[in-house]
C-alpha atoms as a PDB file:
ATOM      1  CA  MET A   1      25.116 -10.755 -19.558  1.00  0.00           C
ATOM      2  CA  PRO A   2      22.020 -12.153 -17.791  1.00  0.00           C
ATOM      3  CA  SER A   3      18.883 -10.002 -17.747  1.00  0.00           C
ATOM      4  CA  PRO A   4      18.726  -7.751 -14.681  1.00  0.00           C
ATOM      5  CA  ILE A   5      15.939  -7.432 -12.161  1.00  0.00           C
ATOM      6  CA  ILE A   6      14.874  -3.803 -12.275  1.00  0.00           C
ATOM      7  CA  ILE A   7      13.798  -2.094  -9.065  1.00  0.00           C
ATOM      8  CA  LEU A   8      11.891   1.106  -9.795  1.00  0.00           C
ATOM      9  CA  ALA A   9      12.233   3.534  -6.909  1.00  0.00           C
ATOM     10  CA  SER A  10      12.061   7.213  -6.136  1.00  0.00           C
ATOM     11  CA  ASP A  11      15.411   6.976  -4.328  1.00  0.00           C
ATOM     12  CA  SER A  12      17.733   4.458  -2.732  1.00  0.00           C
ATOM     13  CA  GLY A  13      17.296   3.551   0.918  1.00  0.00           C
ATOM     14  CA  TRP A  14      16.883   0.726   3.405  1.00  0.00           C
ATOM     15  CA  HIS A  15      14.210  -1.123   1.432  1.00  0.00           C
ATOM     16  CA  THR A  16      16.010  -0.938  -1.912  1.00  0.00           C
ATOM     17  CA  ASP A  17      19.250  -2.043  -0.218  1.00  0.00           C
ATOM     18  CA  GLN A  18      17.418  -5.065   1.191  1.00  0.00           C
ATOM     19  CA  LEU A  19      15.944  -5.927  -2.197  1.00  0.00           C
ATOM     20  CA  CYS A  20      19.289  -5.579  -3.997  1.00  0.00           C
ATOM     21  CA  ARG A  21      20.892  -7.901  -1.435  1.00  0.00           C
ATOM     22  CA  ALA A  22      18.119 -10.465  -1.894  1.00  0.00           C
ATOM     23  CA  VAL A  23      18.361 -10.305  -5.696  1.00  0.00           C
ATOM     24  CA  ARG A  24      22.128 -10.883  -5.624  1.00  0.00           C
ATOM     25  CA  ALA A  25      21.696 -13.757  -3.154  1.00  0.00           C
ATOM     26  CA  ARG A  26      19.619 -15.518  -5.818  1.00  0.00           C
ATOM     27  CA  GLY A  27      22.241 -15.111  -8.508  1.00  0.00           C
ATOM     28  CA  HIS A  28      20.728 -12.149 -10.336  1.00  0.00           C
ATOM     29  CA  GLU A  29      21.877  -8.586 -10.855  1.00  0.00           C
ATOM     30  CA  PRO A  30      19.700  -5.801  -9.450  1.00  0.00           C
ATOM     31  CA  LEU A  31      19.324  -2.563 -11.374  1.00  0.00           C
ATOM     32  CA  LEU A  32      17.940   0.381  -9.422  1.00  0.00           C
ATOM     33  CA  LEU A  33      16.268   2.889 -11.732  1.00  0.00           C
ATOM     34  CA  PRO A  34      14.269   6.093 -11.096  1.00  0.00           C
ATOM     35  CA  TRP A  35      10.587   6.285 -11.971  1.00  0.00           C
ATOM     36  CA  GLU A  36      11.220   9.649 -13.589  1.00  0.00           C
ATOM     37  CA  GLY A  37      13.679   8.073 -16.043  1.00  0.00           C
ATOM     38  CA  ASN A  38      11.076   6.085 -17.980  1.00  0.00           C
ATOM     39  CA  VAL A  39      10.831   7.068 -21.659  1.00  0.00           C
ATOM     40  CA  SER A  40       8.009   5.507 -23.683  1.00  0.00           C
ATOM     41  CA  ARG A  41       8.351   5.394 -27.473  1.00  0.00           C
ATOM     42  CA  LEU A  42       5.823   4.430 -30.116  1.00  0.00           C
ATOM     43  CA  GLY A  43       6.396   3.863 -33.818  1.00  0.00           C
ATOM     44  CA  VAL A  44      10.106   4.058 -34.638  1.00  0.00           C
ATOM     45  CA  GLY A  45      12.105   2.455 -31.821  1.00  0.00           C
ATOM     46  CA  SER A  46       8.914   1.449 -30.020  1.00  0.00           C
ATOM     47  CA  GLY A  47       9.433   0.431 -26.401  1.00  0.00           C
ATOM     48  CA  ILE A  48      10.238   1.739 -22.935  1.00  0.00           C
ATOM     49  CA  SER A  49      13.710   2.698 -21.816  1.00  0.00           C
ATOM     50  CA  ASN A  50      15.084   4.116 -18.609  1.00  0.00           C
ATOM     51  CA  THR A  51      18.421   5.913 -18.469  1.00  0.00           C
ATOM     52  CA  GLY A  52      19.591   3.913 -21.487  1.00  0.00           C
ATOM     53  CA  HIS A  53      18.259   0.525 -20.338  1.00  0.00           C
ATOM     54  CA  ALA A  54      15.631  -1.325 -22.372  1.00  0.00           C
ATOM     55  CA  MET A  55      12.959  -2.213 -19.826  1.00  0.00           C
ATOM     56  CA  ALA A  56      11.540  -5.088 -21.889  1.00  0.00           C
ATOM     57  CA  GLU A  57      14.848  -6.935 -21.531  1.00  0.00           C
ATOM     58  CA  ALA A  58      14.531  -7.146 -17.742  1.00  0.00           C
ATOM     59  CA  ARG A  59      14.087 -10.518 -16.055  1.00  0.00           C
ATOM     60  CA  ALA A  60      11.451  -8.823 -13.899  1.00  0.00           C
ATOM     61  CA  VAL A  61      10.421  -5.387 -12.629  1.00  0.00           C
ATOM     62  CA  LEU A  62       9.735  -4.666  -8.964  1.00  0.00           C
ATOM     63  CA  PRO A  63       8.057  -1.289  -8.311  1.00  0.00           C
ATOM     64  CA  ARG A  64       8.882   0.393  -5.027  1.00  0.00           C
ATOM     65  CA  ILE A  65       7.383   3.603  -3.609  1.00  0.00           C
ATOM     66  CA  ILE A  66       5.971   5.730  -6.412  1.00  0.00           C
ATOM     67  CA  PRO A  67       7.120   9.323  -5.812  1.00  0.00           C
ATOM     68  CA  SER A  68       4.560  12.068  -5.378  1.00  0.00           C
ATOM     69  CA  GLY A  69       3.734  14.104  -8.436  1.00  0.00           C
ATOM     70  CA  SER A  70       0.930  15.480 -10.540  1.00  0.00           C
ATOM     71  CA  LEU A  71      -2.027  13.327 -11.517  1.00  0.00           C
ATOM     72  CA  GLU A  72      -0.567  13.066 -15.020  1.00  0.00           C
ATOM     73  CA  GLN A  73       2.778  11.847 -13.671  1.00  0.00           C
ATOM     74  CA  LEU A  74       1.187   9.234 -11.409  1.00  0.00           C
ATOM     75  CA  ILE A  75      -1.036   7.878 -14.176  1.00  0.00           C
ATOM     76  CA  TYR A  76       1.890   7.757 -16.612  1.00  0.00           C
ATOM     77  CA  ARG A  77       4.046   5.825 -14.145  1.00  0.00           C
ATOM     78  CA  VAL A  78       1.405   3.170 -13.543  1.00  0.00           C
ATOM     79  CA  ASP A  79       0.619   3.044 -17.277  1.00  0.00           C
ATOM     80  CA  THR A  80       4.289   2.192 -17.801  1.00  0.00           C
ATOM     81  CA  LEU A  81       3.761  -0.918 -15.676  1.00  0.00           C
ATOM     82  CA  HIS A  82       0.700  -1.852 -17.713  1.00  0.00           C
ATOM     83  CA  ARG A  83       2.676  -1.536 -20.934  1.00  0.00           C
ATOM     84  CA  LEU A  84       5.563  -3.617 -19.610  1.00  0.00           C
ATOM     85  CA  GLU A  85       3.135  -6.358 -18.558  1.00  0.00           C
ATOM     86  CA  ALA A  86       1.524  -6.277 -22.009  1.00  0.00           C
ATOM     87  CA  ALA A  87       5.003  -6.806 -23.479  1.00  0.00           C
ATOM     88  CA  GLY A  88       5.417  -9.947 -21.366  1.00  0.00           C
ATOM     89  CA  VAL A  89       7.612  -8.508 -18.613  1.00  0.00           C
ATOM     90  CA  ARG A  90       7.106  -9.925 -15.115  1.00  0.00           C
ATOM     91  CA  VAL A  91       5.930  -7.031 -12.890  1.00  0.00           C
ATOM     92  CA  MET A  92       5.165  -7.389  -9.154  1.00  0.00           C
ATOM     93  CA  ASN A  93       2.957  -5.988  -7.881  1.00  0.00           C
ATOM     94  CA  SER A  94       1.065  -5.411 -11.098  1.00  0.00           C
ATOM     95  CA  GLY A  95      -0.105  -1.980 -12.189  1.00  0.00           C
ATOM     96  CA  ARG A  96      -3.660  -3.131 -11.611  1.00  0.00           C
ATOM     97  CA  ALA A  97      -2.955  -4.154  -8.008  1.00  0.00           C
ATOM     98  CA  ILE A  98      -1.208  -0.853  -7.321  1.00  0.00           C
ATOM     99  CA  GLU A  99      -4.160   1.089  -8.737  1.00  0.00           C
ATOM    100  CA  ARG A 100      -6.519  -0.864  -6.512  1.00  0.00           C
ATOM    101  CA  THR A 101      -4.506  -0.252  -3.349  1.00  0.00           C
ATOM    102  CA  VAL A 102      -3.272   3.312  -3.806  1.00  0.00           C
ATOM    103  CA  ASP A 103      -6.852   4.645  -3.679  1.00  0.00           C
ATOM    104  CA  LYS A 104      -8.372   4.000  -0.240  1.00  0.00           C
ATOM    105  CA  ALA A 105     -11.971   4.407  -1.414  1.00  0.00           C
ATOM    106  CA  TRP A 106     -11.526   1.853  -4.174  1.00  0.00           C
ATOM    107  CA  THR A 107      -9.694  -0.518  -1.846  1.00  0.00           C
ATOM    108  CA  SER A 108     -12.522  -0.324   0.694  1.00  0.00           C
ATOM    109  CA  ALA A 109     -15.137  -0.950  -2.006  1.00  0.00           C
ATOM    110  CA  ILE A 110     -13.246  -4.007  -3.277  1.00  0.00           C
ATOM    111  CA  LEU A 111     -12.901  -5.389   0.251  1.00  0.00           C
ATOM    112  CA  GLU A 112     -16.620  -4.974   0.896  1.00  0.00           C
ATOM    113  CA  GLN A 113     -17.482  -6.597  -2.450  1.00  0.00           C
ATOM    114  CA  ALA A 114     -15.291  -9.540  -1.433  1.00  0.00           C
ATOM    115  CA  GLY A 115     -17.337  -9.973   1.751  1.00  0.00           C
ATOM    116  CA  LEU A 116     -14.596  -8.776   4.084  1.00  0.00           C
ATOM    117  CA  PRO A 117     -15.474  -6.798   7.242  1.00  0.00           C
ATOM    118  CA  THR A 118     -14.589  -3.111   6.870  1.00  0.00           C
ATOM    119  CA  PRO A 119     -15.482  -0.069   9.007  1.00  0.00           C
ATOM    120  CA  GLU A 120     -18.366   2.155   7.916  1.00  0.00           C
ATOM    121  CA  THR A 121     -16.976   4.625   5.371  1.00  0.00           C
ATOM    122  CA  VAL A 122     -18.283   7.465   3.217  1.00  0.00           C
ATOM    123  CA  ALA A 123     -16.434   8.925   0.220  1.00  0.00           C
ATOM    124  CA  CYS A 124     -17.747  12.112  -1.388  1.00  0.00           C
ATOM    125  CA  GLU A 125     -16.752  15.424  -2.966  1.00  0.00           C
ATOM    126  CA  ARG A 126     -18.942  17.948  -1.122  1.00  0.00           C
ATOM    127  CA  ALA A 127     -18.211  19.189   2.382  1.00  0.00           C
ATOM    128  CA  ASP A 128     -21.940  19.198   3.166  1.00  0.00           C
ATOM    129  CA  ASP A 129     -22.192  15.476   2.378  1.00  0.00           C
ATOM    130  CA  ALA A 130     -19.109  14.763   4.494  1.00  0.00           C
ATOM    131  CA  PHE A 131     -20.658  16.708   7.373  1.00  0.00           C
ATOM    132  CA  VAL A 132     -23.861  14.642   7.167  1.00  0.00           C
ATOM    133  CA  ALA A 133     -21.735  11.476   7.390  1.00  0.00           C
ATOM    134  CA  PHE A 134     -19.805  12.881  10.352  1.00  0.00           C
ATOM    135  CA  ARG A 135     -22.991  13.770  12.239  1.00  0.00           C
ATOM    136  CA  ARG A 136     -24.327  10.256  11.808  1.00  0.00           C
ATOM    137  CA  MET A 137     -21.098   8.547  12.906  1.00  0.00           C
ATOM    138  CA  GLY A 138     -20.040  11.083  15.548  1.00  0.00           C
ATOM    139  CA  ASP A 139     -16.370  10.096  15.759  1.00  0.00           C
ATOM    140  CA  VAL A 140     -14.497   9.693  12.490  1.00  0.00           C
ATOM    141  CA  VAL A 141     -11.101   9.554  10.856  1.00  0.00           C
ATOM    142  CA  VAL A 142     -10.695  11.721   7.765  1.00  0.00           C
ATOM    143  CA  LYS A 143      -8.038  10.302   5.456  1.00  0.00           C
ATOM    144  CA  PRO A 144      -6.521  11.405   2.154  1.00  0.00           C
ATOM    145  CA  LEU A 145      -7.424   9.011  -0.652  1.00  0.00           C
ATOM    146  CA  PHE A 146      -3.743   8.678  -1.532  1.00  0.00           C
ATOM    147  CA  GLY A 147      -1.192   8.350   1.225  1.00  0.00           C
ATOM    148  CA  SER A 148       0.528   6.030   3.658  1.00  0.00           C
ATOM    149  CA  MET A 149       2.352   5.930   6.995  1.00  0.00           C
ATOM    150  CA  GLY A 150      -0.548   7.729   8.692  1.00  0.00           C
ATOM    151  CA  LEU A 151       0.230  11.020   6.946  1.00  0.00           C
ATOM    152  CA  GLY A 152      -2.620  13.488   6.549  1.00  0.00           C
ATOM    153  CA  MET A 153      -5.103  11.563   8.730  1.00  0.00           C
ATOM    154  CA  THR A 154      -7.237  13.522  11.196  1.00  0.00           C
ATOM    155  CA  ARG A 155      -9.543  12.200  13.890  1.00  0.00           C
ATOM    156  CA  VAL A 156     -12.609  14.392  14.317  1.00  0.00           C
ATOM    157  CA  SER A 157     -15.294  14.210  17.009  1.00  0.00           C
ATOM    158  CA  ASP A 158     -16.174  17.900  17.404  1.00  0.00           C
ATOM    159  CA  GLU A 159     -18.591  19.655  15.016  1.00  0.00           C
ATOM    160  CA  ASP A 160     -16.622  22.910  14.825  1.00  0.00           C
ATOM    161  CA  VAL A 161     -13.400  21.046  14.097  1.00  0.00           C
ATOM    162  CA  ALA A 162     -15.182  18.878  11.543  1.00  0.00           C
ATOM    163  CA  TRP A 163     -16.467  21.928   9.714  1.00  0.00           C
ATOM    164  CA  ARG A 164     -12.989  23.497   9.535  1.00  0.00           C
ATOM    165  CA  VAL A 165     -11.372  20.240   8.388  1.00  0.00           C
ATOM    166  CA  PHE A 166     -13.991  19.644   5.703  1.00  0.00           C
ATOM    167  CA  ARG A 167     -13.787  23.186   4.377  1.00  0.00           C
ATOM    168  CA  ALA A 168      -9.995  22.908   4.192  1.00  0.00           C
ATOM    169  CA  VAL A 169     -10.270  19.682   2.184  1.00  0.00           C
ATOM    170  CA  GLU A 170     -12.877  21.318  -0.061  1.00  0.00           C
ATOM    171  CA  ALA A 171     -10.617  24.329  -0.674  1.00  0.00           C
ATOM    172  CA  MET A 172      -7.889  21.945  -1.883  1.00  0.00           C
ATOM    173  CA  ARG A 173     -10.437  20.272  -4.191  1.00  0.00           C
ATOM    174  CA  GLY A 174      -9.872  17.010  -2.368  1.00  0.00           C
ATOM    175  CA  VAL A 175     -12.115  13.978  -2.029  1.00  0.00           C
ATOM    176  CA  PHE A 176     -13.505  13.208   1.418  1.00  0.00           C
ATOM    177  CA  TYR A 177     -12.837   9.753   2.835  1.00  0.00           C
ATOM    178  CA  VAL A 178     -14.656   9.667   6.158  1.00  0.00           C
ATOM    179  CA  GLN A 179     -14.407   6.479   8.196  1.00  0.00           C
ATOM    180  CA  ARG A 180     -16.056   5.626  11.497  1.00  0.00           C
ATOM    181  CA  PHE A 181     -13.449   5.605  14.279  1.00  0.00           C
ATOM    182  CA  VAL A 182     -13.047   2.179  15.850  1.00  0.00           C
ATOM    183  CA  ASP A 183     -11.786   2.321  19.425  1.00  0.00           C
ATOM    184  CA  HIS A 184      -8.841  -0.088  19.287  1.00  0.00           C
ATOM    185  CA  GLY A 185      -7.052   0.969  22.449  1.00  0.00           C
ATOM    186  CA  GLY A 186      -3.935   2.042  20.541  1.00  0.00           C
ATOM    187  CA  ARG A 187      -3.437  -1.442  19.101  1.00  0.00           C
ATOM    188  CA  ASP A 188      -3.700  -2.887  15.624  1.00  0.00           C
ATOM    189  CA  LEU A 189      -2.099  -5.632  13.536  1.00  0.00           C
ATOM    190  CA  ARG A 190      -0.141  -5.711  10.300  1.00  0.00           C
ATOM    191  CA  ALA A 191      -0.073  -8.985   8.381  1.00  0.00           C
ATOM    192  CA  PHE A 192       2.479  -9.359   5.627  1.00  0.00           C
ATOM    193  CA  VAL A 193       1.038 -11.562   2.900  1.00  0.00           C
ATOM    194  CA  ILE A 194       3.156 -13.179   0.182  1.00  0.00           C
ATOM    195  CA  GLY A 195       1.475 -15.487  -2.294  1.00  0.00           C
ATOM    196  CA  ASP A 196      -1.245 -17.407  -0.506  1.00  0.00           C
ATOM    197  CA  GLN A 197       0.085 -17.206   3.024  1.00  0.00           C
ATOM    198  CA  VAL A 198       0.926 -14.799   5.816  1.00  0.00           C
ATOM    199  CA  LEU A 199       4.709 -14.584   6.024  1.00  0.00           C
ATOM    200  CA  GLY A 200       4.561 -12.910   9.402  1.00  0.00           C
ATOM    201  CA  ALA A 201       2.565 -10.467  11.494  1.00  0.00           C
ATOM    202  CA  ILE A 202       3.207  -7.787  14.063  1.00  0.00           C
ATOM    203  CA  GLU A 203       1.175  -6.042  16.713  1.00  0.00           C
ATOM    204  CA  ARG A 204       1.581  -2.271  16.620  1.00  0.00           C
ATOM    205  CA  THR A 205       0.904  -0.219  19.745  1.00  0.00           C
ATOM    206  CA  ALA A 206       1.068   3.475  20.529  1.00  0.00           C
ATOM    207  CA  ASP A 207      -0.205   6.032  23.005  1.00  0.00           C
ATOM    208  CA  ASP A 208      -1.817   7.760  20.032  1.00  0.00           C
ATOM    209  CA  TRP A 209      -4.666   6.296  17.921  1.00  0.00           C
ATOM    210  CA  ARG A 210      -2.188   6.128  15.027  1.00  0.00           C
ATOM    211  CA  THR A 211       0.058   3.117  15.481  1.00  0.00           C
ATOM    212  CA  ASN A 212       2.274   3.360  12.382  1.00  0.00           C
ATOM    213  CA  PHE A 213       5.869   2.215  12.920  1.00  0.00           C
ATOM    214  CA  SER A 214       7.021   5.230  10.879  1.00  0.00           C
ATOM    215  CA  ARG A 215       5.332   7.492  13.461  1.00  0.00           C
ATOM    216  CA  GLY A 216       7.016   5.843  16.420  1.00  0.00           C
ATOM    217  CA  GLY A 217       4.608   3.000  17.088  1.00  0.00           C
ATOM    218  CA  LYS A 218       6.072   0.025  18.951  1.00  0.00           C
ATOM    219  CA  VAL A 219       6.044  -3.341  17.218  1.00  0.00           C
ATOM    220  CA  ALA A 220       6.091  -6.904  18.491  1.00  0.00           C
ATOM    221  CA  PRO A 221       5.754 -10.232  16.676  1.00  0.00           C
ATOM    222  CA  CYS A 222       2.404 -11.940  16.941  1.00  0.00           C
ATOM    223  CA  THR A 223       0.619 -15.025  15.682  1.00  0.00           C
ATOM    224  CA  LEU A 224      -2.691 -14.307  14.016  1.00  0.00           C
ATOM    225  CA  PRO A 225      -5.734 -16.443  14.763  1.00  0.00           C
ATOM    226  CA  ALA A 226      -6.220 -18.754  11.793  1.00  0.00           C
ATOM    227  CA  GLU A 227      -9.415 -17.015  10.695  1.00  0.00           C
ATOM    228  CA  TRP A 228      -7.718 -13.600  10.751  1.00  0.00           C
ATOM    229  CA  ALA A 229      -4.847 -14.918   8.646  1.00  0.00           C
ATOM    230  CA  VAL A 230      -7.418 -16.172   6.129  1.00  0.00           C
ATOM    231  CA  LEU A 231      -8.963 -12.685   6.020  1.00  0.00           C
ATOM    232  CA  ALA A 232      -5.556 -11.129   5.326  1.00  0.00           C
ATOM    233  CA  VAL A 233      -4.862 -13.512   2.439  1.00  0.00           C
ATOM    234  CA  ARG A 234      -8.368 -12.950   1.043  1.00  0.00           C
ATOM    235  CA  ALA A 235      -7.824  -9.184   1.190  1.00  0.00           C
ATOM    236  CA  ALA A 236      -4.548  -9.371  -0.756  1.00  0.00           C
ATOM    237  CA  ARG A 237      -6.158 -11.702  -3.278  1.00  0.00           C
ATOM    238  CA  ALA A 238      -9.185  -9.401  -3.680  1.00  0.00           C
ATOM    239  CA  VAL A 239      -7.006  -6.529  -4.892  1.00  0.00           C
ATOM    240  CA  GLY A 240      -4.789  -8.817  -6.988  1.00  0.00           C
ATOM    241  CA  ALA A 241      -1.628  -8.249  -4.923  1.00  0.00           C
ATOM    242  CA  GLU A 242       1.022 -10.996  -4.836  1.00  0.00           C
ATOM    243  CA  TYR A 243       2.455  -9.415  -1.713  1.00  0.00           C
ATOM    244  CA  ALA A 244       0.855  -6.852   0.559  1.00  0.00           C
ATOM    245  CA  GLY A 245       0.737  -5.340   3.991  1.00  0.00           C
ATOM    246  CA  VAL A 246      -2.775  -5.876   5.342  1.00  0.00           C
ATOM    247  CA  ASP A 247      -3.863  -3.779   8.317  1.00  0.00           C
ATOM    248  CA  LEU A 248      -6.262  -5.512  10.700  1.00  0.00           C
ATOM    249  CA  LEU A 249      -8.163  -3.638  13.385  1.00  0.00           C
ATOM    250  CA  PRO A 250      -9.701  -5.588  16.316  1.00  0.00           C
ATOM    251  CA  ASP A 251     -13.298  -4.421  16.860  1.00  0.00           C
ATOM    252  CA  GLY A 252     -13.245  -4.902  20.632  1.00  0.00           C
ATOM    253  CA  HIS A 253     -15.769  -7.749  20.502  1.00  0.00           C
ATOM    254  CA  GLY A 254     -13.572 -10.622  19.361  1.00  0.00           C
ATOM    255  CA  GLY A 255     -13.825  -9.768  15.678  1.00  0.00           C
ATOM    256  CA  VAL A 256     -11.598  -7.799  13.360  1.00  0.00           C
ATOM    257  CA  TYR A 257     -11.894  -5.288  10.519  1.00  0.00           C
ATOM    258  CA  VAL A 258      -9.746  -5.347   7.399  1.00  0.00           C
ATOM    259  CA  LEU A 259      -8.741  -1.699   7.402  1.00  0.00           C
ATOM    260  CA  GLU A 260      -6.328  -1.243   4.490  1.00  0.00           C
ATOM    261  CA  VAL A 261      -4.235  -3.147   1.968  1.00  0.00           C
ATOM    262  CA  ASN A 262      -0.882  -1.663   0.986  1.00  0.00           C
ATOM    263  CA  GLY A 263       0.319  -2.860  -2.429  1.00  0.00           C
ATOM    264  CA  ILE A 264       3.815  -1.367  -2.011  1.00  0.00           C
ATOM    265  CA  PRO A 265       4.323  -2.035   1.693  1.00  0.00           C
ATOM    266  CA  GLY A 266       7.262  -1.276   3.917  1.00  0.00           C
ATOM    267  CA  TRP A 267       8.532  -4.010   6.214  1.00  0.00           C
ATOM    268  CA  GLU A 268      11.258  -2.525   8.404  1.00  0.00           C
ATOM    269  CA  GLY A 269       9.117  -2.867  11.529  1.00  0.00           C
ATOM    270  CA  LEU A 270       8.164  -6.448  10.671  1.00  0.00           C
ATOM    271  CA  GLN A 271      11.760  -7.449  10.030  1.00  0.00           C
ATOM    272  CA  GLN A 272      12.967  -5.717  13.194  1.00  0.00           C
ATOM    273  CA  ALA A 273      10.373  -7.523  15.301  1.00  0.00           C
ATOM    274  CA  THR A 274      10.544 -10.974  13.726  1.00  0.00           C
ATOM    275  CA  GLY A 275      13.967 -11.306  12.107  1.00  0.00           C
ATOM    276  CA  LEU A 276      12.305 -12.576   8.915  1.00  0.00           C
ATOM    277  CA  ASP A 277      14.077 -12.129   5.591  1.00  0.00           C
ATOM    278  CA  VAL A 278      11.168 -10.267   4.027  1.00  0.00           C
ATOM    279  CA  ALA A 279      13.073  -9.031   0.979  1.00  0.00           C
ATOM    280  CA  GLY A 280      14.218 -12.596   0.305  1.00  0.00           C
ATOM    281  CA  ALA A 281      10.621 -13.816   0.394  1.00  0.00           C
ATOM    282  CA  ILE A 282       9.502 -11.018  -1.946  1.00  0.00           C
ATOM    283  CA  VAL A 283      12.237 -11.776  -4.467  1.00  0.00           C
ATOM    284  CA  GLY A 284      11.470 -15.486  -4.143  1.00  0.00           C
ATOM    285  CA  GLN A 285       7.857 -14.776  -5.108  1.00  0.00           C
ATOM    286  CA  LEU A 286       9.003 -12.539  -7.953  1.00  0.00           C
ATOM    287  CA  LEU A 287      11.155 -15.314  -9.432  1.00  0.00           C
ATOM    288  CA  ALA A 288       8.719 -18.163  -8.762  1.00  0.00           C
END
């Protein structure tokens, strides 16, 4: 029996269905396994198994959304990817790329180090330091370090509201990620990068400042200016992602910010708007 392509996921759904279809279309057998099923052994019977399947025997491993959990659980799940890669298993995206993109503060630092334009941002642990940053910037978006789909983000431009938000984050022992709000007129762009090119891009619009498709934002296909496409590819390359969703935010003066890089991106909105076979392109890159 040929080696399967393992898709690690928290649950089945539209994205895993698309990936399974694309894997079968290329003559391979998909195997959908839960993150929680990974068992790592050392010494006798050394290796990683999942619900009775030897992970090292896979043709490749494709991580999908990592389920929420404790810090220990999250670290263990990514460490599993590191160990599989060390054993010679093809993993996409790599554990390293996922680590670099799951943490917004680290992603922003990597983008800046790569010379990419990013909005002014402050990350800190004390509410007082966050408040100093807010007072200097005046209008900010407070984001959780870990998260996607616009969940947990709060725009703050009032001092009383800022104080309450910061104290709430402090009470939860969170880390503050405070980013200057860029007035984008309810419009931003998502570029889907695979390998060294932009597969496709969409414009996302909403009445709200959050334009995420998952929050009801409208999407339409768009063609990126060549220099913006180069920025998107550079951003994915900077974090080591073979495929990524790169969020671009026009600055209102003809330029653009690289806002975020998602190392386990969704693509339902992109596929709906463009008709592209995104899962097929992802699997093609995986098997290249």
